[in-house]
């Protein structure tokens, strides 16, 4: 039986162990971008 529930996983580098400059800002930006993409895709799929 198909389920309407979806499970998504996103892997992010641990900012506490990152060598990048401003690692927490970078992680937050990655999360923001993925949520924005997810919402855009879900909005398109439900309006069609």
PDB file of N, CA and C in Angstrom:
ATOM      1  N   UNK A   1       0.841  -1.174   0.000  1.00  0.00           N
ATOM      2  CA  UNK A   1       0.000   0.000   0.000  1.00  0.00           C
ATOM      3  C   UNK A   1       0.893   1.247   0.000  1.00  0.00           C
ATOM      4  N   UNK A   2       0.745   2.132  -0.981  1.00  0.00           N
ATOM      5  CA  UNK A   2       1.552   3.352  -1.034  1.00  0.00           C
ATOM      6  C   UNK A   2       1.231   4.279   0.138  1.00  0.00           C
ATOM      7  N   UNK A   3       2.212   5.003   0.544  1.00  0.00           N
ATOM      8  CA  UNK A   3       2.052   5.937   1.649  1.00  0.00           C
ATOM      9  C   UNK A   3       2.227   7.360   1.138  1.00  0.00           C
ATOM     10  N   UNK A   4       1.499   8.284   1.718  1.00  0.00           N
ATOM     11  CA  UNK A   4       1.661   9.685   1.337  1.00  0.00           C
ATOM     12  C   UNK A   4       2.828  10.326   2.089  1.00  0.00           C
ATOM     13  N   UNK A   5       3.415   9.567   2.979  1.00  0.00           N
ATOM     14  CA  UNK A   5       4.537  10.061   3.760  1.00  0.00           C
ATOM     15  C   UNK A   5       5.829   9.946   2.966  1.00  0.00           C
ATOM     16  N   UNK A   6       6.646  10.971   3.034  1.00  0.00           N
ATOM     17  CA  UNK A   6       7.943  10.958   2.364  1.00  0.00           C
ATOM     18  C   UNK A   6       9.035  11.127   3.401  1.00  0.00           C
ATOM     19  N   UNK A   7      10.134  10.463   3.162  1.00  0.00           N
ATOM     20  CA  UNK A   7      11.289  10.608   4.037  1.00  0.00           C
ATOM     21  C   UNK A   7      12.444  11.104   3.195  1.00  0.00           C
ATOM     22  N   UNK A   8      13.051  12.184   3.645  1.00  0.00           N
ATOM     23  CA  UNK A   8      14.205  12.737   2.949  1.00  0.00           C
ATOM     24  C   UNK A   8      15.339  12.854   3.948  1.00  0.00           C
ATOM     25  N   UNK A   9      16.523  12.598   3.488  1.00  0.00           N
ATOM     26  CA  UNK A   9      17.690  12.799   4.333  1.00  0.00           C
ATOM     27  C   UNK A   9      18.686  13.679   3.592  1.00  0.00           C
ATOM     28  N   UNK A  10      19.274  14.577   4.312  1.00  0.00           N
ATOM     29  CA  UNK A  10      20.276  15.463   3.756  1.00  0.00           C
ATOM     30  C   UNK A  10      21.510  15.364   4.630  1.00  0.00           C
ATOM     31  N   UNK A  11      22.631  15.137   4.025  1.00  0.00           N
ATOM     32  CA  UNK A  11      23.881  15.077   4.766  1.00  0.00           C
ATOM     33  C   UNK A  11      24.582  16.423   4.683  1.00  0.00           C
ATOM     34  N   UNK A  12      24.984  16.907   5.831  1.00  0.00           N
ATOM     35  CA  UNK A  12      25.711  18.159   5.906  1.00  0.00           C
ATOM     36  C   UNK A  12      27.010  17.931   6.665  1.00  0.00           C
ATOM     37  N   UNK A  13      28.022  18.652   6.253  1.00  0.00           N
ATOM     38  CA  UNK A  13      29.284  18.612   6.979  1.00  0.00           C
ATOM     39  C   UNK A  13      29.067  19.221   8.364  1.00  0.00           C
ATOM     40  N   UNK A  14      29.632  18.615   9.378  1.00  0.00           N
ATOM     41  CA  UNK A  14      29.533  19.133  10.740  1.00  0.00           C
ATOM     42  C   UNK A  14      30.310  20.445  10.827  1.00  0.00           C
ATOM     43  N   UNK A  15      29.639  21.559  11.072  1.00  0.00           N
ATOM     44  CA  UNK A  15      30.354  22.831  11.097  1.00  0.00           C
ATOM     45  C   UNK A  15      31.392  22.914  12.216  1.00  0.00           C
ATOM     46  N   UNK A  16      31.203  22.168  13.279  1.00  0.00           N
ATOM     47  CA  UNK A  16      32.172  22.194  14.384  1.00  0.00           C
ATOM     48  C   UNK A  16      33.512  21.601  13.973  1.00  0.00           C
ATOM     49  N   UNK A  17      33.499  20.736  12.956  1.00  0.00           N
ATOM     50  CA  UNK A  17      34.728  20.089  12.503  1.00  0.00           C
ATOM     51  C   UNK A  17      35.196  20.596  11.141  1.00  0.00           C
ATOM     52  N   UNK A  18      34.574  21.628  10.640  1.00  0.00           N
ATOM     53  CA  UNK A  18      34.863  22.125   9.298  1.00  0.00           C
ATOM     54  C   UNK A  18      36.114  22.997   9.275  1.00  0.00           C
ATOM     55  N   UNK A  19      36.784  22.954   8.137  1.00  0.00           N
ATOM     56  CA  UNK A  19      37.952  23.809   7.900  1.00  0.00           C
ATOM     57  C   UNK A  19      37.567  25.072   7.126  1.00  0.00           C
ATOM     58  N   UNK A  20      36.311  25.162   6.691  1.00  0.00           N
ATOM     59  CA  UNK A  20      35.848  26.304   5.889  1.00  0.00           C
ATOM     60  C   UNK A  20      35.755  27.559   6.753  1.00  0.00           C
ATOM     61  N   UNK A  21      35.931  28.729   6.122  1.00  0.00           N
ATOM     62  CA  UNK A  21      35.693  29.962   6.873  1.00  0.00           C
ATOM     63  C   UNK A  21      34.195  30.095   7.172  1.00  0.00           C
ATOM     64  N   UNK A  22      33.864  30.557   8.338  1.00  0.00           N
ATOM     65  CA  UNK A  22      32.476  30.722   8.777  1.00  0.00           C
ATOM     66  C   UNK A  22      31.643  29.457   8.546  1.00  0.00           C
ATOM     67  N   UNK A  23      32.041  28.352   9.159  1.00  0.00           N
ATOM     68  CA  UNK A  23      31.381  27.071   8.879  1.00  0.00           C
ATOM     69  C   UNK A  23      29.904  27.032   9.271  1.00  0.00           C
ATOM     70  N   UNK A  24      29.515  27.701  10.350  1.00  0.00           N
ATOM     71  CA  UNK A  24      28.109  27.660  10.752  1.00  0.00           C
ATOM     72  C   UNK A  24      27.240  28.462   9.789  1.00  0.00           C
ATOM     73  N   UNK A  25      27.750  29.567   9.293  1.00  0.00           N
ATOM     74  CA  UNK A  25      27.022  30.346   8.290  1.00  0.00           C
ATOM     75  C   UNK A  25      26.862  29.518   7.009  1.00  0.00           C
ATOM     76  N   UNK A  26      27.899  28.804   6.620  1.00  0.00           N
ATOM     77  CA  UNK A  26      27.856  27.958   5.428  1.00  0.00           C
ATOM     78  C   UNK A  26      26.812  26.841   5.595  1.00  0.00           C
ATOM     79  N   UNK A  27      26.808  26.182   6.753  1.00  0.00           N
ATOM     80  CA  UNK A  27      25.842  25.108   7.002  1.00  0.00           C
ATOM     81  C   UNK A  27      24.417  25.652   6.983  1.00  0.00           C
ATOM     82  N   UNK A  28      24.199  26.807   7.598  1.00  0.00           N
ATOM     83  CA  UNK A  28      22.874  27.419   7.595  1.00  0.00           C
ATOM     84  C   UNK A  28      22.424  27.761   6.177  1.00  0.00           C
ATOM     85  N   UNK A  29      23.341  28.256   5.356  1.00  0.00           N
ATOM     86  CA  UNK A  29      23.005  28.587   3.969  1.00  0.00           C
ATOM     87  C   UNK A  29      22.644  27.327   3.180  1.00  0.00           C
ATOM     88  N   UNK A  30      23.371  26.240   3.399  1.00  0.00           N
ATOM     89  CA  UNK A  30      23.050  24.971   2.733  1.00  0.00           C
ATOM     90  C   UNK A  30      21.656  24.484   3.116  1.00  0.00           C
ATOM     91  N   UNK A  31      21.343  24.547   4.400  1.00  0.00           N
ATOM     92  CA  UNK A  31      20.019  24.117   4.866  1.00  0.00           C
ATOM     93  C   UNK A  31      18.944  25.005   4.244  1.00  0.00           C
ATOM     94  N   UNK A  32      19.154  26.295   4.250  1.00  0.00           N
ATOM     95  CA  UNK A  32      18.203  27.244   3.653  1.00  0.00           C
ATOM     96  C   UNK A  32      17.955  26.915   2.179  1.00  0.00           C
ATOM     97  N   UNK A  33      19.028  26.691   1.429  1.00  0.00           N
ATOM     98  CA  UNK A  33      18.897  26.404   0.000  1.00  0.00           C
ATOM     99  C   UNK A  33      18.118  25.119  -0.252  1.00  0.00           C
ATOM    100  N   UNK A  34      18.364  24.102   0.543  1.00  0.00           N
ATOM    101  CA  UNK A  34      17.658  22.835   0.331  1.00  0.00           C
ATOM    102  C   UNK A  34      16.194  22.932   0.704  1.00  0.00           C
ATOM    103  N   UNK A  35      15.886  23.641   1.774  1.00  0.00           N
ATOM    104  CA  UNK A  35      14.475  23.822   2.141  1.00  0.00           C
ATOM    105  C   UNK A  35      13.757  24.629   1.067  1.00  0.00           C
ATOM    106  N   UNK A  36      14.392  25.666   0.578  1.00  0.00           N
ATOM    107  CA  UNK A  36      13.809  26.484  -0.492  1.00  0.00           C
ATOM    108  C   UNK A  36      13.531  25.636  -1.734  1.00  0.00           C
ATOM    109  N   UNK A  37      14.486  24.787  -2.113  1.00  0.00           N
ATOM    110  CA  UNK A  37      14.305  23.904  -3.262  1.00  0.00           C
ATOM    111  C   UNK A  37      13.160  22.916  -3.010  1.00  0.00           C
ATOM    112  N   UNK A  38      13.103  22.351  -1.822  1.00  0.00           N
ATOM    113  CA  UNK A  38      12.051  21.398  -1.473  1.00  0.00           C
ATOM    114  C   UNK A  38      10.676  22.057  -1.558  1.00  0.00           C
ATOM    115  N   UNK A  39      10.541  23.235  -0.982  1.00  0.00           N
ATOM    116  CA  UNK A  39       9.253  23.931  -0.996  1.00  0.00           C
ATOM    117  C   UNK A  39       8.848  24.281  -2.420  1.00  0.00           C
ATOM    118  N   UNK A  40       9.799  24.714  -3.231  1.00  0.00           N
ATOM    119  CA  UNK A  40       9.515  25.042  -4.626  1.00  0.00           C
ATOM    120  C   UNK A  40       9.009  23.810  -5.387  1.00  0.00           C
ATOM    121  N   UNK A  41       9.677  22.687  -5.207  1.00  0.00           N
ATOM    122  CA  UNK A  41       9.265  21.457  -5.893  1.00  0.00           C
ATOM    123  C   UNK A  41       7.903  20.981  -5.422  1.00  0.00           C
ATOM    124  N   UNK A  42       7.659  21.022  -4.124  1.00  0.00           N
ATOM    125  CA  UNK A  42       6.379  20.566  -3.597  1.00  0.00           C
ATOM    126  C   UNK A  42       5.252  21.479  -4.046  1.00  0.00           C
ATOM    127  N   UNK A  43       5.508  22.770  -4.136  1.00  0.00           N
ATOM    128  CA  UNK A  43       4.493  23.719  -4.577  1.00  0.00           C
ATOM    129  C   UNK A  43       4.137  23.472  -6.038  1.00  0.00           C
ATOM    130  N   UNK A  44       5.144  23.217  -6.858  1.00  0.00           N
ATOM    131  CA  UNK A  44       4.901  22.929  -8.283  1.00  0.00           C
ATOM    132  C   UNK A  44       4.110  21.637  -8.441  1.00  0.00           C
ATOM    133  N   UNK A  45       4.449  20.610  -7.679  1.00  0.00           N
ATOM    134  CA  UNK A  45       3.778  19.311  -7.805  1.00  0.00           C
ATOM    135  C   UNK A  45       2.328  19.366  -7.357  1.00  0.00           C
ATOM    136  N   UNK A  46       2.005  20.164  -6.376  1.00  0.00           N
ATOM    137  CA  UNK A  46       0.623  20.213  -5.886  1.00  0.00           C
ATOM    138  C   UNK A  46      -0.247  21.136  -6.715  1.00  0.00           C
ATOM    139  N   UNK A  47       0.360  22.076  -7.449  1.00  0.00           N
ATOM    140  CA  UNK A  47      -0.443  22.997  -8.258  1.00  0.00           C
ATOM    141  C   UNK A  47      -0.728  22.456  -9.662  1.00  0.00           C
ATOM    142  N   UNK A  48      -0.091  21.355 -10.029  1.00  0.00           N
ATOM    143  CA  UNK A  48      -0.278  20.801 -11.380  1.00  0.00           C
ATOM    144  C   UNK A  48      -1.509  19.938 -11.460  1.00  0.00           C
TER     145      UNK A  48
END
